[in-house]
Amino acid sequence: MKRLALLLSCVVVPVLLRAQDEQADPFKVFEETGFTVGETPTYPSVEIEEIETQGRGVYDPPELRSPLDALRRSREAFYDKTGLRVSAFYTAIFQQAANGPGRLTAASGDLDFLANWTFLGRGTENFGRIVFDAEYRHAIGPIPASQLGREIGSLQPTTNAFNDREWAIRNFHYVQRLFDGRLRLVVG
């Protein structure tokens, strides 16, 4: 039961914790780091920043604003103190075909874990950061959503990414900046 509560807090709370600043720029991380090979809009540090600067979510009950704002402030204080930022999100897809020879429904889920730890030179141009990004893709039911196209006889897949490959580490590398950020080394 404790593990389920921990898993739910890792998945649900970050979704509800979206940043409260509607004017926030999700790509401000590039002002800190600059654009470099491996640092794209899908780079884990950018995704974490984007998740946390989205503004209020679709589900935004007033009774949760104050506790979520307090939790967000404590997460920011933790980041300021340690340089560690951790986030997670879950995406699910359900598809239903109108016609076809095989199964007409498919569903999949994708759980993403993102982390970066700036442990050297935080707040400077010359920082060292470890970046980690992993995901768990799974079918919900007999087939994943990525197989629905084949089931119904379509030449075009209905989706590509929602398969059932299970755990995968997408990124694990170290970024070091030197000489006022002019030299950028990525190992991983």
C-alpha atoms as a PDB file:
ATOM      1  CA  MET A   1       0.000   0.000   0.000  1.00  0.00           C
ATOM      2  CA  LYS A   2       2.883   2.384   0.788  1.00  0.00           C
ATOM      3  CA  ARG A   3       4.457   1.658  -2.602  1.00  0.00           C
ATOM      4  CA  LEU A   4       1.186   2.410  -4.369  1.00  0.00           C
ATOM      5  CA  ALA A   5       0.862   5.701  -2.477  1.00  0.00           C
ATOM      6  CA  LEU A   6       4.459   6.605  -3.384  1.00  0.00           C
ATOM      7  CA  LEU A   7       3.892   5.717  -7.050  1.00  0.00           C
ATOM      8  CA  LEU A   8       0.695   7.757  -7.192  1.00  0.00           C
ATOM      9  CA  SER A   9       2.387  10.738  -5.552  1.00  0.00           C
ATOM     10  CA  CYS A  10       5.221  10.546  -8.106  1.00  0.00           C
ATOM     11  CA  VAL A  11       2.785  10.411 -11.010  1.00  0.00           C
ATOM     12  CA  VAL A  12      -0.208  12.499  -9.956  1.00  0.00           C
ATOM     13  CA  VAL A  13       1.391  15.241  -7.872  1.00  0.00           C
ATOM     14  CA  PRO A  14       3.768  16.538 -10.585  1.00  0.00           C
ATOM     15  CA  VAL A  15       0.831  16.773 -12.993  1.00  0.00           C
ATOM     16  CA  LEU A  16      -1.143  18.809 -10.469  1.00  0.00           C
ATOM     17  CA  LEU A  17       1.963  20.779  -9.503  1.00  0.00           C
ATOM     18  CA  ARG A  18       2.319  22.603 -12.762  1.00  0.00           C
ATOM     19  CA  ALA A  19       3.851  26.006 -12.212  1.00  0.00           C
ATOM     20  CA  GLN A  20       1.530  28.745 -11.209  1.00  0.00           C
ATOM     21  CA  ASP A  21       3.194  31.423 -13.319  1.00  0.00           C
ATOM     22  CA  GLU A  22       1.212  31.712 -16.541  1.00  0.00           C
ATOM     23  CA  GLN A  23       3.931  33.962 -18.023  1.00  0.00           C
ATOM     24  CA  ALA A  24       6.705  31.385 -17.489  1.00  0.00           C
ATOM     25  CA  ASP A  25       8.909  30.426 -20.415  1.00  0.00           C
ATOM     26  CA  PRO A  26       9.330  26.622 -20.628  1.00  0.00           C
ATOM     27  CA  PHE A  27      12.508  27.008 -22.686  1.00  0.00           C
ATOM     28  CA  LYS A  28      14.321  29.355 -20.290  1.00  0.00           C
ATOM     29  CA  VAL A  29      16.672  26.441 -19.591  1.00  0.00           C
ATOM     30  CA  PHE A  30      18.355  27.316 -22.917  1.00  0.00           C
ATOM     31  CA  GLU A  31      19.214  30.728 -21.506  1.00  0.00           C
ATOM     32  CA  GLU A  32      21.136  28.904 -18.788  1.00  0.00           C
ATOM     33  CA  THR A  33      22.660  26.193 -20.939  1.00  0.00           C
ATOM     34  CA  GLY A  34      22.583  27.365 -24.550  1.00  0.00           C
ATOM     35  CA  PHE A  35      21.698  25.005 -27.366  1.00  0.00           C
ATOM     36  CA  THR A  36      24.106  22.108 -27.676  1.00  0.00           C
ATOM     37  CA  VAL A  37      24.097  18.663 -29.257  1.00  0.00           C
ATOM     38  CA  GLY A  38      21.816  16.504 -27.134  1.00  0.00           C
ATOM     39  CA  GLU A  39      19.963  19.519 -25.728  1.00  0.00           C
ATOM     40  CA  THR A  40      16.787  19.761 -27.753  1.00  0.00           C
ATOM     41  CA  PRO A  41      13.181  20.555 -26.800  1.00  0.00           C
ATOM     42  CA  THR A  42      12.874  16.881 -25.735  1.00  0.00           C
ATOM     43  CA  TYR A  43      16.006  17.050 -23.558  1.00  0.00           C
ATOM     44  CA  PRO A  44      15.066  15.929 -20.003  1.00  0.00           C
ATOM     45  CA  SER A  45      16.056  19.245 -18.416  1.00  0.00           C
ATOM     46  CA  VAL A  46      13.830  21.102 -20.883  1.00  0.00           C
ATOM     47  CA  GLU A  47      10.950  18.654 -20.360  1.00  0.00           C
ATOM     48  CA  ILE A  48      11.190  19.071 -16.571  1.00  0.00           C
ATOM     49  CA  GLU A  49      11.185  22.846 -16.951  1.00  0.00           C
ATOM     50  CA  GLU A  50       8.247  22.657 -19.356  1.00  0.00           C
ATOM     51  CA  ILE A  51       6.248  20.430 -16.994  1.00  0.00           C
ATOM     52  CA  GLU A  52       6.834  22.820 -14.116  1.00  0.00           C
ATOM     53  CA  THR A  53       6.036  26.011 -16.065  1.00  0.00           C
ATOM     54  CA  GLN A  54       2.830  24.995 -17.831  1.00  0.00           C
ATOM     55  CA  GLY A  55       0.494  26.987 -15.646  1.00  0.00           C
ATOM     56  CA  ARG A  56      -2.512  25.503 -13.958  1.00  0.00           C
ATOM     57  CA  GLY A  57      -3.812  22.220 -15.304  1.00  0.00           C
ATOM     58  CA  VAL A  58      -7.240  21.402 -16.691  1.00  0.00           C
ATOM     59  CA  TYR A  59      -8.183  19.909 -13.331  1.00  0.00           C
ATOM     60  CA  ASP A  60      -7.548  22.814 -10.966  1.00  0.00           C
ATOM     61  CA  PRO A  61      -9.836  22.633  -7.911  1.00  0.00           C
ATOM     62  CA  PRO A  62      -9.553  25.731  -5.698  1.00  0.00           C
ATOM     63  CA  GLU A  63      -9.247  23.648  -2.524  1.00  0.00           C
ATOM     64  CA  LEU A  64      -5.979  22.138  -3.804  1.00  0.00           C
ATOM     65  CA  ARG A  65      -4.291  25.399  -4.862  1.00  0.00           C
ATOM     66  CA  SER A  66      -2.854  26.328  -1.479  1.00  0.00           C
ATOM     67  CA  PRO A  67      -1.422  22.855  -0.655  1.00  0.00           C
ATOM     68  CA  LEU A  68      -0.043  22.470  -4.181  1.00  0.00           C
ATOM     69  CA  ASP A  69       1.520  25.936  -4.072  1.00  0.00           C
ATOM     70  CA  ALA A  70       3.186  25.010  -0.763  1.00  0.00           C
ATOM     71  CA  LEU A  71       4.432  21.733  -2.222  1.00  0.00           C
ATOM     72  CA  ARG A  72       5.785  23.554  -5.268  1.00  0.00           C
ATOM     73  CA  ARG A  73       7.638  26.041  -3.044  1.00  0.00           C
ATOM     74  CA  SER A  74       9.161  23.157  -1.063  1.00  0.00           C
ATOM     75  CA  ARG A  75      10.259  21.456  -4.305  1.00  0.00           C
ATOM     76  CA  GLU A  76      11.885  24.708  -5.441  1.00  0.00           C
ATOM     77  CA  ALA A  77      13.606  25.089  -2.052  1.00  0.00           C
ATOM     78  CA  PHE A  78      14.867  21.497  -2.344  1.00  0.00           C
ATOM     79  CA  TYR A  79      16.220  22.254  -5.832  1.00  0.00           C
ATOM     80  CA  ASP A  80      17.867  25.468  -4.625  1.00  0.00           C
ATOM     81  CA  LYS A  81      19.510  23.572  -1.761  1.00  0.00           C
ATOM     82  CA  THR A  82      20.589  20.394  -3.608  1.00  0.00           C
ATOM     83  CA  GLY A  83      20.530  21.106  -7.343  1.00  0.00           C
ATOM     84  CA  LEU A  84      18.394  17.991  -7.843  1.00  0.00           C
ATOM     85  CA  ARG A  85      15.197  18.197  -9.853  1.00  0.00           C
ATOM     86  CA  VAL A  86      13.006  15.109 -10.295  1.00  0.00           C
ATOM     87  CA  SER A  87       9.757  14.819 -12.199  1.00  0.00           C
ATOM     88  CA  ALA A  88       7.444  12.142 -13.552  1.00  0.00           C
ATOM     89  CA  PHE A  89       4.403  12.021 -15.760  1.00  0.00           C
ATOM     90  CA  TYR A  90       2.051   9.418 -17.143  1.00  0.00           C
ATOM     91  CA  THR A  91       0.343   9.391 -20.531  1.00  0.00           C
ATOM     92  CA  ALA A  92      -2.298   6.911 -21.672  1.00  0.00           C
ATOM     93  CA  ILE A  93      -3.998   6.366 -25.006  1.00  0.00           C
ATOM     94  CA  PHE A  94      -7.140   4.433 -25.908  1.00  0.00           C
ATOM     95  CA  GLN A  95      -8.077   3.768 -29.525  1.00  0.00           C
ATOM     96  CA  GLN A  96     -11.163   2.209 -31.014  1.00  0.00           C
ATOM     97  CA  ALA A  97     -11.585   1.369 -34.680  1.00  0.00           C
ATOM     98  CA  ALA A  98     -14.962   1.403 -36.391  1.00  0.00           C
ATOM     99  CA  ASN A  99     -14.288  -1.643 -38.547  1.00  0.00           C
ATOM    100  CA  GLY A 100     -11.687  -4.316 -39.249  1.00  0.00           C
ATOM    101  CA  PRO A 101     -10.931  -8.032 -39.139  1.00  0.00           C
ATOM    102  CA  GLY A 102      -9.149  -8.152 -35.756  1.00  0.00           C
ATOM    103  CA  ARG A 103      -9.504  -6.533 -32.367  1.00  0.00           C
ATOM    104  CA  LEU A 104     -11.061  -3.110 -32.629  1.00  0.00           C
ATOM    105  CA  THR A 105      -9.684  -1.573 -29.420  1.00  0.00           C
ATOM    106  CA  ALA A 106      -6.209  -1.051 -28.012  1.00  0.00           C
ATOM    107  CA  ALA A 107      -4.760   0.944 -25.133  1.00  0.00           C
ATOM    108  CA  SER A 108      -1.307   1.728 -23.799  1.00  0.00           C
ATOM    109  CA  GLY A 109       0.394   3.719 -21.080  1.00  0.00           C
ATOM    110  CA  ASP A 110       3.726   5.509 -20.833  1.00  0.00           C
ATOM    111  CA  LEU A 111       5.302   6.407 -17.471  1.00  0.00           C
ATOM    112  CA  ASP A 112       8.256   8.822 -17.716  1.00  0.00           C
ATOM    113  CA  PHE A 113      10.825   9.590 -14.996  1.00  0.00           C
ATOM    114  CA  LEU A 114      13.098  12.594 -15.518  1.00  0.00           C
ATOM    115  CA  ALA A 115      15.893  13.901 -13.327  1.00  0.00           C
ATOM    116  CA  ASN A 116      18.823  16.246 -13.492  1.00  0.00           C
ATOM    117  CA  TRP A 117      21.336  17.026 -10.808  1.00  0.00           C
ATOM    118  CA  THR A 118      23.455  20.136 -11.161  1.00  0.00           C
ATOM    119  CA  PHE A 119      26.050  19.460  -8.497  1.00  0.00           C
ATOM    120  CA  LEU A 120      28.925  21.619  -9.763  1.00  0.00           C
ATOM    121  CA  GLY A 121      28.768  25.331 -10.444  1.00  0.00           C
ATOM    122  CA  ARG A 122      25.016  25.730 -10.057  1.00  0.00           C
ATOM    123  CA  GLY A 123      23.961  29.223 -11.134  1.00  0.00           C
ATOM    124  CA  THR A 124      27.136  29.778 -13.163  1.00  0.00           C
ATOM    125  CA  GLU A 125      28.120  29.327 -16.799  1.00  0.00           C
ATOM    126  CA  ASN A 126      30.529  26.519 -15.794  1.00  0.00           C
ATOM    127  CA  PHE A 127      28.320  23.825 -14.352  1.00  0.00           C
ATOM    128  CA  GLY A 128      28.372  20.041 -14.201  1.00  0.00           C
ATOM    129  CA  ARG A 129      25.078  18.166 -14.483  1.00  0.00           C
ATOM    130  CA  ILE A 130      23.979  14.532 -14.547  1.00  0.00           C
ATOM    131  CA  VAL A 131      20.865  13.946 -16.656  1.00  0.00           C
ATOM    132  CA  PHE A 132      18.645  10.863 -16.409  1.00  0.00           C
ATOM    133  CA  ASP A 133      15.473   9.960 -18.270  1.00  0.00           C
ATOM    134  CA  ALA A 134      13.693   6.585 -18.235  1.00  0.00           C
ATOM    135  CA  GLU A 135      10.277   5.395 -19.317  1.00  0.00           C
ATOM    136  CA  TYR A 136       8.008   2.406 -18.932  1.00  0.00           C
ATOM    137  CA  ARG A 137       5.690   1.664 -21.861  1.00  0.00           C
ATOM    138  CA  HIS A 138       3.023  -0.973 -21.445  1.00  0.00           C
ATOM    139  CA  ALA A 139      -0.149  -2.333 -22.982  1.00  0.00           C
ATOM    140  CA  ILE A 140      -3.428  -1.868 -21.177  1.00  0.00           C
ATOM    141  CA  GLY A 141      -5.307  -4.950 -22.277  1.00  0.00           C
ATOM    142  CA  PRO A 142      -4.399  -7.641 -24.803  1.00  0.00           C
ATOM    143  CA  ILE A 143      -2.593  -5.435 -27.353  1.00  0.00           C
ATOM    144  CA  PRO A 144      -0.771  -2.102 -27.186  1.00  0.00           C
ATOM    145  CA  ALA A 145      -2.102   0.853 -29.152  1.00  0.00           C
ATOM    146  CA  SER A 146       0.810   0.619 -31.611  1.00  0.00           C
ATOM    147  CA  GLN A 147      -0.547  -2.733 -32.887  1.00  0.00           C
ATOM    148  CA  LEU A 148      -4.102  -1.598 -33.630  1.00  0.00           C
ATOM    149  CA  GLY A 149      -3.293  -0.666 -37.239  1.00  0.00           C
ATOM    150  CA  ARG A 150      -2.091  -4.214 -37.996  1.00  0.00           C
ATOM    151  CA  GLU A 151      -5.097  -5.727 -36.229  1.00  0.00           C
ATOM    152  CA  ILE A 152      -7.605  -3.828 -38.377  1.00  0.00           C
ATOM    153  CA  GLY A 153      -5.621  -4.270 -41.603  1.00  0.00           C
ATOM    154  CA  SER A 154      -4.501  -0.669 -41.999  1.00  0.00           C
ATOM    155  CA  LEU A 155      -1.380   0.155 -43.998  1.00  0.00           C
ATOM    156  CA  GLN A 156      -0.873   3.242 -41.841  1.00  0.00           C
ATOM    157  CA  PRO A 157      -0.198   2.750 -38.112  1.00  0.00           C
ATOM    158  CA  THR A 158      -2.683   4.438 -35.802  1.00  0.00           C
ATOM    159  CA  THR A 159       0.197   5.375 -33.457  1.00  0.00           C
ATOM    160  CA  ASN A 160       3.875   4.488 -33.216  1.00  0.00           C
ATOM    161  CA  ALA A 161       5.141   5.319 -29.755  1.00  0.00           C
ATOM    162  CA  PHE A 162       2.603   3.524 -27.563  1.00  0.00           C
ATOM    163  CA  ASN A 163       4.063   0.024 -27.642  1.00  0.00           C
ATOM    164  CA  ASP A 164       4.833  -2.437 -24.842  1.00  0.00           C
ATOM    165  CA  ARG A 165       8.630  -2.354 -24.706  1.00  0.00           C
ATOM    166  CA  GLU A 166       8.534  -1.983 -20.886  1.00  0.00           C
ATOM    167  CA  TRP A 167      11.521  -0.219 -19.195  1.00  0.00           C
ATOM    168  CA  ALA A 168      14.019   1.780 -21.214  1.00  0.00           C
ATOM    169  CA  ILE A 169      16.642   4.330 -20.223  1.00  0.00           C
ATOM    170  CA  ARG A 170      16.437   7.073 -22.828  1.00  0.00           C
ATOM    171  CA  ASN A 171      19.124   9.405 -21.467  1.00  0.00           C
ATOM    172  CA  PHE A 172      21.904   9.026 -18.960  1.00  0.00           C
ATOM    173  CA  HIS A 173      24.774  11.411 -19.424  1.00  0.00           C
ATOM    174  CA  TYR A 174      26.986  14.028 -17.851  1.00  0.00           C
ATOM    175  CA  VAL A 175      27.229  17.600 -19.174  1.00  0.00           C
ATOM    176  CA  GLN A 176      30.168  19.790 -18.202  1.00  0.00           C
ATOM    177  CA  ARG A 177      30.558  23.454 -19.179  1.00  0.00           C
ATOM    178  CA  LEU A 178      33.924  25.224 -19.008  1.00  0.00           C
ATOM    179  CA  PHE A 179      35.404  28.587 -20.004  1.00  0.00           C
ATOM    180  CA  ASP A 180      32.246  30.604 -19.304  1.00  0.00           C
ATOM    181  CA  GLY A 181      30.092  28.011 -21.037  1.00  0.00           C
ATOM    182  CA  ARG A 182      32.030  28.146 -24.341  1.00  0.00           C
ATOM    183  CA  LEU A 183      33.322  24.571 -24.045  1.00  0.00           C
ATOM    184  CA  ARG A 184      30.575  21.994 -23.594  1.00  0.00           C
ATOM    185  CA  LEU A 185      31.325  18.341 -22.991  1.00  0.00           C
ATOM    186  CA  VAL A 186      28.658  15.645 -23.039  1.00  0.00           C
ATOM    187  CA  VAL A 187      29.536  12.107 -21.974  1.00  0.00           C
ATOM    188  CA  GLY A 188      26.950   9.355 -21.899  1.00  0.00           C
END
